[in-house]
C-alpha atoms as a PDB file:
ATOM      1  CA  UNK A   1     -90.040 270.305 106.232  1.00  0.00           C
ATOM      2  CA  UNK A   2     -87.226 267.785 107.348  1.00  0.00           C
ATOM      3  CA  UNK A   3     -85.017 266.475 104.098  1.00  0.00           C
ATOM      4  CA  UNK A   4     -85.468 262.038 104.138  1.00  0.00           C
ATOM      5  CA  UNK A   5     -82.106 261.014 104.248  1.00  0.00           C
ATOM      6  CA  UNK A   6     -82.995 257.316 103.081  1.00  0.00           C
ATOM      7  CA  UNK A   7     -84.693 259.176  99.983  1.00  0.00           C
ATOM      8  CA  UNK A   8     -81.592 261.313  99.514  1.00  0.00           C
ATOM      9  CA  UNK A   9     -82.977 264.542  99.929  1.00  0.00           C
ATOM     10  CA  UNK A  10     -81.093 267.570  99.543  1.00  0.00           C
ATOM     11  CA  UNK A  11     -83.320 270.666  98.889  1.00  0.00           C
ATOM     12  CA  UNK A  12     -81.892 273.256  96.045  1.00  0.00           C
ATOM     13  CA  UNK A  13     -81.949 276.943  97.608  1.00  0.00           C
ATOM     14  CA  UNK A  14     -79.979 279.109  95.145  1.00  0.00           C
ATOM     15  CA  UNK A  15     -81.796 281.122  92.760  1.00  0.00           C
ATOM     16  CA  UNK A  16     -78.737 281.184  90.395  1.00  0.00           C
ATOM     17  CA  UNK A  17     -78.283 277.639  89.973  1.00  0.00           C
ATOM     18  CA  UNK A  18     -82.527 277.825  89.712  1.00  0.00           C
ATOM     19  CA  UNK A  19     -81.838 280.126  87.006  1.00  0.00           C
ATOM     20  CA  UNK A  20     -78.808 278.424  85.209  1.00  0.00           C
ATOM     21  CA  UNK A  21     -80.926 275.118  84.844  1.00  0.00           C
ATOM     22  CA  UNK A  22     -83.862 276.851  83.658  1.00  0.00           C
ATOM     23  CA  UNK A  23     -81.610 278.464  80.778  1.00  0.00           C
ATOM     24  CA  UNK A  24     -79.830 275.283  80.124  1.00  0.00           C
ATOM     25  CA  UNK A  25     -83.263 273.876  79.850  1.00  0.00           C
ATOM     26  CA  UNK A  26     -84.176 276.374  77.185  1.00  0.00           C
ATOM     27  CA  UNK A  27     -88.073 275.654  77.580  1.00  0.00           C
ATOM     28  CA  UNK A  28     -90.575 276.764  75.723  1.00  0.00           C
ATOM     29  CA  UNK A  29     -94.298 276.918  76.362  1.00  0.00           C
ATOM     30  CA  UNK A  30     -95.275 274.046  74.496  1.00  0.00           C
ATOM     31  CA  UNK A  31     -92.846 271.791  76.336  1.00  0.00           C
ATOM     32  CA  UNK A  32     -93.948 268.617  78.435  1.00  0.00           C
ATOM     33  CA  UNK A  33     -91.354 268.712  81.261  1.00  0.00           C
ATOM     34  CA  UNK A  34     -90.959 266.058  83.359  1.00  0.00           C
ATOM     35  CA  UNK A  35     -89.434 266.489  87.257  1.00  0.00           C
ATOM     36  CA  UNK A  36     -87.828 263.996  89.662  1.00  0.00           C
ATOM     37  CA  UNK A  37     -88.836 264.624  92.983  1.00  0.00           C
ATOM     38  CA  UNK A  38     -89.738 267.882  93.365  1.00  0.00           C
ATOM     39  CA  UNK A  39     -88.974 268.069  97.243  1.00  0.00           C
ATOM     40  CA  UNK A  40     -90.243 271.661  98.149  1.00  0.00           C
ATOM     41  CA  UNK A  41     -91.451 273.111  94.711  1.00  0.00           C
ATOM     42  CA  UNK A  42     -88.783 275.293  94.434  1.00  0.00           C
ATOM     43  CA  UNK A  43     -87.396 274.279  90.735  1.00  0.00           C
ATOM     44  CA  UNK A  44     -91.209 273.577  89.954  1.00  0.00           C
ATOM     45  CA  UNK A  45     -92.409 277.099  90.416  1.00  0.00           C
ATOM     46  CA  UNK A  46     -89.531 278.144  87.723  1.00  0.00           C
ATOM     47  CA  UNK A  47     -90.883 275.126  84.892  1.00  0.00           C
ATOM     48  CA  UNK A  48     -94.147 276.195  85.607  1.00  0.00           C
ATOM     49  CA  UNK A  49     -93.113 279.860  84.585  1.00  0.00           C
ATOM     50  CA  UNK A  50     -91.894 278.180  81.380  1.00  0.00           C
ATOM     51  CA  UNK A  51     -94.162 275.662  80.238  1.00  0.00           C
ATOM     52  CA  UNK A  52     -97.860 274.512  80.476  1.00  0.00           C
ATOM     53  CA  UNK A  53     -97.311 271.121  80.621  1.00  0.00           C
ATOM     54  CA  UNK A  54     -95.420 269.621  83.845  1.00  0.00           C
ATOM     55  CA  UNK A  55     -95.396 266.596  85.524  1.00  0.00           C
ATOM     56  CA  UNK A  56     -93.637 265.766  88.789  1.00  0.00           C
ATOM     57  CA  UNK A  57     -93.116 262.704  90.320  1.00  0.00           C
ATOM     58  CA  UNK A  58     -92.824 262.756  93.983  1.00  0.00           C
ATOM     59  CA  UNK A  59     -91.789 259.361  96.238  1.00  0.00           C
ATOM     60  CA  UNK A  60     -91.945 261.065  99.443  1.00  0.00           C
ATOM     61  CA  UNK A  61     -95.797 261.023 100.859  1.00  0.00           C
ATOM     62  CA  UNK A  62     -95.229 264.020 102.784  1.00  0.00           C
ATOM     63  CA  UNK A  63     -94.205 266.066 100.348  1.00  0.00           C
ATOM     64  CA  UNK A  64     -96.724 264.873  97.845  1.00  0.00           C
ATOM     65  CA  UNK A  65     -99.326 266.128 100.268  1.00  0.00           C
ATOM     66  CA  UNK A  66     -97.376 269.520 100.567  1.00  0.00           C
ATOM     67  CA  UNK A  67     -96.988 269.798  96.621  1.00  0.00           C
ATOM     68  CA  UNK A  68    -100.618 268.767  96.158  1.00  0.00           C
ATOM     69  CA  UNK A  69    -101.618 271.892  98.392  1.00  0.00           C
ATOM     70  CA  UNK A  70     -98.950 274.373  97.036  1.00  0.00           C
ATOM     71  CA  UNK A  71     -99.568 273.748  93.683  1.00  0.00           C
ATOM     72  CA  UNK A  72    -103.790 273.127  93.737  1.00  0.00           C
ATOM     73  CA  UNK A  73    -104.981 276.074  91.257  1.00  0.00           C
ATOM     74  CA  UNK A  74    -102.009 275.025  88.043  1.00  0.00           C
ATOM     75  CA  UNK A  75    -103.191 271.567  88.942  1.00  0.00           C
ATOM     76  CA  UNK A  76    -107.011 272.508  88.271  1.00  0.00           C
ATOM     77  CA  UNK A  77    -105.865 274.464  85.065  1.00  0.00           C
ATOM     78  CA  UNK A  78    -104.209 271.358  83.997  1.00  0.00           C
ATOM     79  CA  UNK A  79    -100.700 272.557  83.890  1.00  0.00           C
ATOM     80  CA  UNK A  80     -99.228 270.897  86.490  1.00  0.00           C
ATOM     81  CA  UNK A  81     -99.576 266.751  87.031  1.00  0.00           C
ATOM     82  CA  UNK A  82     -98.130 265.394  90.108  1.00  0.00           C
ATOM     83  CA  UNK A  83     -97.798 261.972  90.581  1.00  0.00           C
ATOM     84  CA  UNK A  84     -97.199 260.005  93.857  1.00  0.00           C
ATOM     85  CA  UNK A  85     -94.851 257.052  93.078  1.00  0.00           C
ATOM     86  CA  UNK A  86     -91.016 256.165  92.200  1.00  0.00           C
ATOM     87  CA  UNK A  87     -89.025 257.456  89.061  1.00  0.00           C
ATOM     88  CA  UNK A  88     -87.818 254.615  88.189  1.00  0.00           C
ATOM     89  CA  UNK A  89     -91.403 252.367  87.695  1.00  0.00           C
ATOM     90  CA  UNK A  90     -92.738 255.783  86.146  1.00  0.00           C
ATOM     91  CA  UNK A  91     -94.108 255.316  82.502  1.00  0.00           C
ATOM     92  CA  UNK A  92     -93.455 258.353  80.514  1.00  0.00           C
ATOM     93  CA  UNK A  93     -95.715 256.702  77.638  1.00  0.00           C
ATOM     94  CA  UNK A  94     -98.742 256.317  79.565  1.00  0.00           C
ATOM     95  CA  UNK A  95     -98.809 260.289  79.199  1.00  0.00           C
ATOM     96  CA  UNK A  96     -99.484 260.023  75.128  1.00  0.00           C
ATOM     97  CA  UNK A  97     -96.307 263.094  75.124  1.00  0.00           C
ATOM     98  CA  UNK A  98     -94.676 263.253  71.845  1.00  0.00           C
ATOM     99  CA  UNK A  99     -91.852 264.589  73.095  1.00  0.00           C
ATOM    100  CA  UNK A 100     -90.535 265.755  76.702  1.00  0.00           C
ATOM    101  CA  UNK A 101     -87.734 267.412  78.467  1.00  0.00           C
ATOM    102  CA  UNK A 102     -86.223 265.918  81.800  1.00  0.00           C
ATOM    103  CA  UNK A 103     -85.393 268.665  84.037  1.00  0.00           C
ATOM    104  CA  UNK A 104     -84.742 267.891  87.912  1.00  0.00           C
ATOM    105  CA  UNK A 105     -82.600 268.173  91.152  1.00  0.00           C
ATOM    106  CA  UNK A 106     -82.515 264.286  91.498  1.00  0.00           C
ATOM    107  CA  UNK A 107     -81.707 262.199  94.236  1.00  0.00           C
ATOM    108  CA  UNK A 108     -78.206 261.007  94.068  1.00  0.00           C
ATOM    109  CA  UNK A 109     -78.127 257.895  95.057  1.00  0.00           C
ATOM    110  CA  UNK A 110     -80.328 256.529  91.855  1.00  0.00           C
ATOM    111  CA  UNK A 111     -78.152 258.916  89.610  1.00  0.00           C
ATOM    112  CA  UNK A 112     -77.174 255.749  87.267  1.00  0.00           C
ATOM    113  CA  UNK A 113     -80.450 254.227  87.311  1.00  0.00           C
ATOM    114  CA  UNK A 114     -82.308 257.242  86.043  1.00  0.00           C
ATOM    115  CA  UNK A 115     -79.460 258.105  82.868  1.00  0.00           C
ATOM    116  CA  UNK A 116     -79.835 254.335  82.298  1.00  0.00           C
ATOM    117  CA  UNK A 117     -83.754 254.354  82.270  1.00  0.00           C
ATOM    118  CA  UNK A 118     -84.200 257.427  79.928  1.00  0.00           C
ATOM    119  CA  UNK A 119     -80.809 257.793  77.749  1.00  0.00           C
ATOM    120  CA  UNK A 120     -81.963 254.155  76.550  1.00  0.00           C
ATOM    121  CA  UNK A 121     -85.608 254.521  76.999  1.00  0.00           C
ATOM    122  CA  UNK A 122     -87.462 252.583  73.627  1.00  0.00           C
ATOM    123  CA  UNK A 123     -90.645 253.362  71.519  1.00  0.00           C
ATOM    124  CA  UNK A 124     -93.445 254.216  71.689  1.00  0.00           C
ATOM    125  CA  UNK A 125     -92.823 257.880  71.481  1.00  0.00           C
ATOM    126  CA  UNK A 126     -92.177 258.935  75.596  1.00  0.00           C
ATOM    127  CA  UNK A 127     -89.069 257.035  75.390  1.00  0.00           C
ATOM    128  CA  UNK A 128     -86.451 258.782  75.654  1.00  0.00           C
ATOM    129  CA  UNK A 129     -86.215 262.214  76.836  1.00  0.00           C
ATOM    130  CA  UNK A 130     -84.875 265.526  74.053  1.00  0.00           C
ATOM    131  CA  UNK A 131     -82.620 266.905  76.726  1.00  0.00           C
ATOM    132  CA  UNK A 132     -81.792 265.795  80.387  1.00  0.00           C
ATOM    133  CA  UNK A 133     -81.084 269.272  82.706  1.00  0.00           C
ATOM    134  CA  UNK A 134     -79.861 267.400  86.143  1.00  0.00           C
ATOM    135  CA  UNK A 135     -78.093 268.077  89.537  1.00  0.00           C
ATOM    136  CA  UNK A 136     -75.697 265.605  89.889  1.00  0.00           C
ATOM    137  CA  UNK A 137     -72.857 265.102  92.203  1.00  0.00           C
ATOM    138  CA  UNK A 138     -69.560 267.356  91.151  1.00  0.00           C
ATOM    139  CA  UNK A 139     -67.590 263.840  90.784  1.00  0.00           C
ATOM    140  CA  UNK A 140     -70.094 262.003  89.171  1.00  0.00           C
ATOM    141  CA  UNK A 141     -70.140 265.160  86.219  1.00  0.00           C
ATOM    142  CA  UNK A 142     -66.786 265.082  85.599  1.00  0.00           C
ATOM    143  CA  UNK A 143     -66.756 261.523  85.146  1.00  0.00           C
ATOM    144  CA  UNK A 144     -69.634 261.491  82.459  1.00  0.00           C
ATOM    145  CA  UNK A 145     -68.074 264.574  80.755  1.00  0.00           C
ATOM    146  CA  UNK A 146     -64.644 261.838  80.937  1.00  0.00           C
ATOM    147  CA  UNK A 147     -61.553 262.683  78.619  1.00  0.00           C
ATOM    148  CA  UNK A 148     -63.467 266.409  77.659  1.00  0.00           C
ATOM    149  CA  UNK A 149     -61.665 268.078  80.886  1.00  0.00           C
ATOM    150  CA  UNK A 150     -58.112 266.182  79.935  1.00  0.00           C
ATOM    151  CA  UNK A 151     -57.449 265.178  83.331  1.00  0.00           C
ATOM    152  CA  UNK A 152     -60.260 262.018  83.762  1.00  0.00           C
ATOM    153  CA  UNK A 153     -59.898 259.096  81.850  1.00  0.00           C
ATOM    154  CA  UNK A 154     -62.944 257.643  80.236  1.00  0.00           C
ATOM    155  CA  UNK A 155     -65.761 255.446  82.439  1.00  0.00           C
ATOM    156  CA  UNK A 156     -68.867 253.642  81.390  1.00  0.00           C
ATOM    157  CA  UNK A 157     -70.967 255.770  82.410  1.00  0.00           C
ATOM    158  CA  UNK A 158     -69.211 258.535  80.197  1.00  0.00           C
ATOM    159  CA  UNK A 159     -69.666 256.208  76.853  1.00  0.00           C
ATOM    160  CA  UNK A 160     -73.112 255.272  78.429  1.00  0.00           C
ATOM    161  CA  UNK A 161     -74.161 259.004  78.104  1.00  0.00           C
ATOM    162  CA  UNK A 162     -72.254 259.924  75.162  1.00  0.00           C
ATOM    163  CA  UNK A 163     -73.733 257.087  73.095  1.00  0.00           C
ATOM    164  CA  UNK A 164     -77.365 258.517  73.337  1.00  0.00           C
ATOM    165  CA  UNK A 165     -76.132 262.177  73.823  1.00  0.00           C
ATOM    166  CA  UNK A 166     -74.186 265.307  74.083  1.00  0.00           C
ATOM    167  CA  UNK A 167     -73.188 265.853  77.674  1.00  0.00           C
ATOM    168  CA  UNK A 168     -71.615 269.475  79.206  1.00  0.00           C
ATOM    169  CA  UNK A 169     -71.025 270.890  82.649  1.00  0.00           C
ATOM    170  CA  UNK A 170     -73.515 274.247  83.168  1.00  0.00           C
ATOM    171  CA  UNK A 171     -72.272 274.892  86.633  1.00  0.00           C
ATOM    172  CA  UNK A 172     -70.706 273.699  89.513  1.00  0.00           C
ATOM    173  CA  UNK A 173     -73.008 273.836  92.348  1.00  0.00           C
ATOM    174  CA  UNK A 174     -71.454 274.719  96.122  1.00  0.00           C
ATOM    175  CA  UNK A 175     -72.471 272.456  98.785  1.00  0.00           C
ATOM    176  CA  UNK A 176     -73.808 275.298 100.870  1.00  0.00           C
ATOM    177  CA  UNK A 177     -76.712 275.884  97.856  1.00  0.00           C
ATOM    178  CA  UNK A 178     -78.177 272.766  99.310  1.00  0.00           C
ATOM    179  CA  UNK A 179     -80.452 272.455 102.683  1.00  0.00           C
ATOM    180  CA  UNK A 180     -79.145 270.449 104.371  1.00  0.00           C
ATOM    181  CA  UNK A 181     -75.526 270.783 102.988  1.00  0.00           C
ATOM    182  CA  UNK A 182     -74.749 267.520 101.783  1.00  0.00           C
ATOM    183  CA  UNK A 183     -70.857 266.230 102.094  1.00  0.00           C
ATOM    184  CA  UNK A 184     -69.814 266.973  98.349  1.00  0.00           C
ATOM    185  CA  UNK A 185     -70.327 269.768  95.905  1.00  0.00           C
ATOM    186  CA  UNK A 186     -72.552 269.131  92.708  1.00  0.00           C
ATOM    187  CA  UNK A 187     -72.536 270.687  89.418  1.00  0.00           C
ATOM    188  CA  UNK A 188     -75.462 270.973  86.380  1.00  0.00           C
ATOM    189  CA  UNK A 189     -74.909 268.861  83.469  1.00  0.00           C
ATOM    190  CA  UNK A 190     -76.903 269.548  80.231  1.00  0.00           C
ATOM    191  CA  UNK A 191     -77.208 265.871  77.959  1.00  0.00           C
ATOM    192  CA  UNK A 192     -78.755 267.640  74.657  1.00  0.00           C
ATOM    193  CA  UNK A 193     -79.717 265.973  71.417  1.00  0.00           C
ATOM    194  CA  UNK A 194     -80.749 262.485  72.657  1.00  0.00           C
ATOM    195  CA  UNK A 195     -81.309 259.916  70.680  1.00  0.00           C
ATOM    196  CA  UNK A 196     -80.948 256.007  69.650  1.00  0.00           C
ATOM    197  CA  UNK A 197     -80.139 256.667  65.961  1.00  0.00           C
ATOM    198  CA  UNK A 198     -76.433 258.442  67.337  1.00  0.00           C
ATOM    199  CA  UNK A 199     -74.816 255.412  67.662  1.00  0.00           C
ATOM    200  CA  UNK A 200     -76.164 253.827  64.392  1.00  0.00           C
ATOM    201  CA  UNK A 201     -75.233 257.506  62.901  1.00  0.00           C
ATOM    202  CA  UNK A 202     -72.129 257.574  64.110  1.00  0.00           C
ATOM    203  CA  UNK A 203     -71.161 253.815  63.109  1.00  0.00           C
ATOM    204  CA  UNK A 204     -71.571 254.546  59.774  1.00  0.00           C
ATOM    205  CA  UNK A 205     -73.984 251.237  59.013  1.00  0.00           C
ATOM    206  CA  UNK A 206     -77.516 251.125  58.484  1.00  0.00           C
ATOM    207  CA  UNK A 207     -77.641 248.097  60.820  1.00  0.00           C
ATOM    208  CA  UNK A 208     -75.618 248.416  64.077  1.00  0.00           C
ATOM    209  CA  UNK A 209     -76.073 245.472  67.142  1.00  0.00           C
ATOM    210  CA  UNK A 210     -76.490 247.876  69.761  1.00  0.00           C
ATOM    211  CA  UNK A 211     -76.799 244.856  71.989  1.00  0.00           C
ATOM    212  CA  UNK A 212     -73.397 243.683  70.610  1.00  0.00           C
ATOM    213  CA  UNK A 213     -71.789 246.776  71.529  1.00  0.00           C
ATOM    214  CA  UNK A 214     -73.139 247.157  75.355  1.00  0.00           C
ATOM    215  CA  UNK A 215     -71.378 243.493  75.836  1.00  0.00           C
ATOM    216  CA  UNK A 216     -67.614 244.367  74.460  1.00  0.00           C
ATOM    217  CA  UNK A 217     -68.123 247.562  76.357  1.00  0.00           C
ATOM    218  CA  UNK A 218     -68.905 245.909  79.564  1.00  0.00           C
ATOM    219  CA  UNK A 219     -66.610 243.393  79.097  1.00  0.00           C
ATOM    220  CA  UNK A 220     -63.697 245.818  78.319  1.00  0.00           C
ATOM    221  CA  UNK A 221     -64.758 247.698  81.616  1.00  0.00           C
ATOM    222  CA  UNK A 222     -65.082 244.313  83.236  1.00  0.00           C
ATOM    223  CA  UNK A 223     -61.183 245.054  85.160  1.00  0.00           C
ATOM    224  CA  UNK A 224     -60.313 248.478  84.808  1.00  0.00           C
ATOM    225  CA  UNK A 225     -56.806 247.691  85.075  1.00  0.00           C
ATOM    226  CA  UNK A 226     -56.021 244.922  82.704  1.00  0.00           C
ATOM    227  CA  UNK A 227     -55.484 245.867  78.769  1.00  0.00           C
ATOM    228  CA  UNK A 228     -58.367 245.101  76.863  1.00  0.00           C
ATOM    229  CA  UNK A 229     -56.176 242.121  75.175  1.00  0.00           C
ATOM    230  CA  UNK A 230     -56.569 240.068  78.284  1.00  0.00           C
ATOM    231  CA  UNK A 231     -60.376 241.353  79.083  1.00  0.00           C
ATOM    232  CA  UNK A 232     -61.807 240.164  75.402  1.00  0.00           C
ATOM    233  CA  UNK A 233     -59.541 237.515  74.694  1.00  0.00           C
ATOM    234  CA  UNK A 234     -62.792 235.206  74.917  1.00  0.00           C
ATOM    235  CA  UNK A 235     -64.608 236.960  72.756  1.00  0.00           C
ATOM    236  CA  UNK A 236     -62.527 238.929  70.071  1.00  0.00           C
ATOM    237  CA  UNK A 237     -58.944 237.407  68.288  1.00  0.00           C
ATOM    238  CA  UNK A 238     -55.888 238.766  69.530  1.00  0.00           C
ATOM    239  CA  UNK A 239     -54.778 239.736  65.742  1.00  0.00           C
ATOM    240  CA  UNK A 240     -58.176 241.415  65.631  1.00  0.00           C
ATOM    241  CA  UNK A 241     -57.137 243.489  68.287  1.00  0.00           C
ATOM    242  CA  UNK A 242     -54.036 244.200  67.363  1.00  0.00           C
ATOM    243  CA  UNK A 243     -54.577 245.448  64.109  1.00  0.00           C
ATOM    244  CA  UNK A 244     -57.185 247.970  65.717  1.00  0.00           C
ATOM    245  CA  UNK A 245     -54.284 249.001  68.188  1.00  0.00           C
ATOM    246  CA  UNK A 246     -56.707 248.364  70.942  1.00  0.00           C
ATOM    247  CA  UNK A 247     -54.649 245.262  72.352  1.00  0.00           C
ATOM    248  CA  UNK A 248     -52.462 246.901  75.022  1.00  0.00           C
ATOM    249  CA  UNK A 249     -54.803 249.867  75.976  1.00  0.00           C
ATOM    250  CA  UNK A 250     -57.119 249.672  78.938  1.00  0.00           C
ATOM    251  CA  UNK A 251     -60.684 250.863  78.422  1.00  0.00           C
ATOM    252  CA  UNK A 252     -60.701 254.001  80.314  1.00  0.00           C
ATOM    253  CA  UNK A 253     -58.654 255.337  77.176  1.00  0.00           C
ATOM    254  CA  UNK A 254     -60.966 254.261  74.453  1.00  0.00           C
ATOM    255  CA  UNK A 255     -62.926 256.697  73.232  1.00  0.00           C
ATOM    256  CA  UNK A 256     -67.084 256.415  72.231  1.00  0.00           C
ATOM    257  CA  UNK A 257     -65.704 256.275  68.652  1.00  0.00           C
ATOM    258  CA  UNK A 258     -62.724 253.640  69.500  1.00  0.00           C
ATOM    259  CA  UNK A 259     -65.857 251.689  70.873  1.00  0.00           C
ATOM    260  CA  UNK A 260     -67.410 251.906  67.926  1.00  0.00           C
ATOM    261  CA  UNK A 261     -64.411 251.067  65.659  1.00  0.00           C
ATOM    262  CA  UNK A 262     -63.619 247.786  68.007  1.00  0.00           C
ATOM    263  CA  UNK A 263     -67.733 246.500  67.621  1.00  0.00           C
ATOM    264  CA  UNK A 264     -67.726 246.912  63.913  1.00  0.00           C
ATOM    265  CA  UNK A 265     -64.789 244.703  64.403  1.00  0.00           C
END
C-alpha cells in the first residue's frame, strides 16, 4: 500500500523505535490509548498487546478499510475502536473516557495543531491526555525541549508544551527507519504529567489569567529579533519591564517561569 504524500504518510518499520515508543508510554492494561494515523497498523499491534482499549483515528479511506480487516477480531472483542476521520475534528469526550494517553507516529505537517488541540484540551473528562508519546521531526523535538539542550533557544512551541506538561526526547530516529524515507530524521518525544493546573501551580496564585498570559507570550514572540521592551510596549509600561529585568531581553531568552513572572507583573 503506497504512502500518500499529501497526508504526510511515512510508515515506521523499526522494531527498536516501536519498542521505545511503547516503553515510554508505560501502558497499563486498563489504559485508554488514542492513536493518530495508525497507517498499516505496526504500532497498533504493539498497543493492543498492552492495552484493552485502543482508539485509532485514520483519515485515509483506503487505510481505514485495510485496518478494518486487519483488526476485525480486536474490533469484535471491543478492545479496538477504529474511526474514519480527521484527528483535528475528533472529539475524544464523545467516547466517555476518564483518562487517556496519546501514542502515535503523527503526520508531521500537523504537529503544531495536534499539540495545541490536546495540550489545551478542556473539560469535560477526556480533554487533556495524561501523557503524549509522539514521533515528530528531530528539529521540532529539539525546539520543544528548548534551552534544556543548551544550544537551542526557547520558542513559542517549547513554552506552549512546557506550560502544560514535562517534555523529554526518548530517542532520535534516523530517516531510514521509515518507508518511504522522509527527508529529515525524526525523534520520539514523551510529554508527561499534562495538566491545566500547572500554570496556576507555577504562578503560586489561586487565580491566574491564562488568556492574558498567552497574549503576552504571543506578543513577545511576534518579532523575534526585537527586544521585549519594543514588542510589549503597547501593553506594558517600560518601568515594569526594567524592574523585572526583561526590557533588554528577547523572547527566546526567557524560560516558562520568566513568562509567568512577566504575566504577574
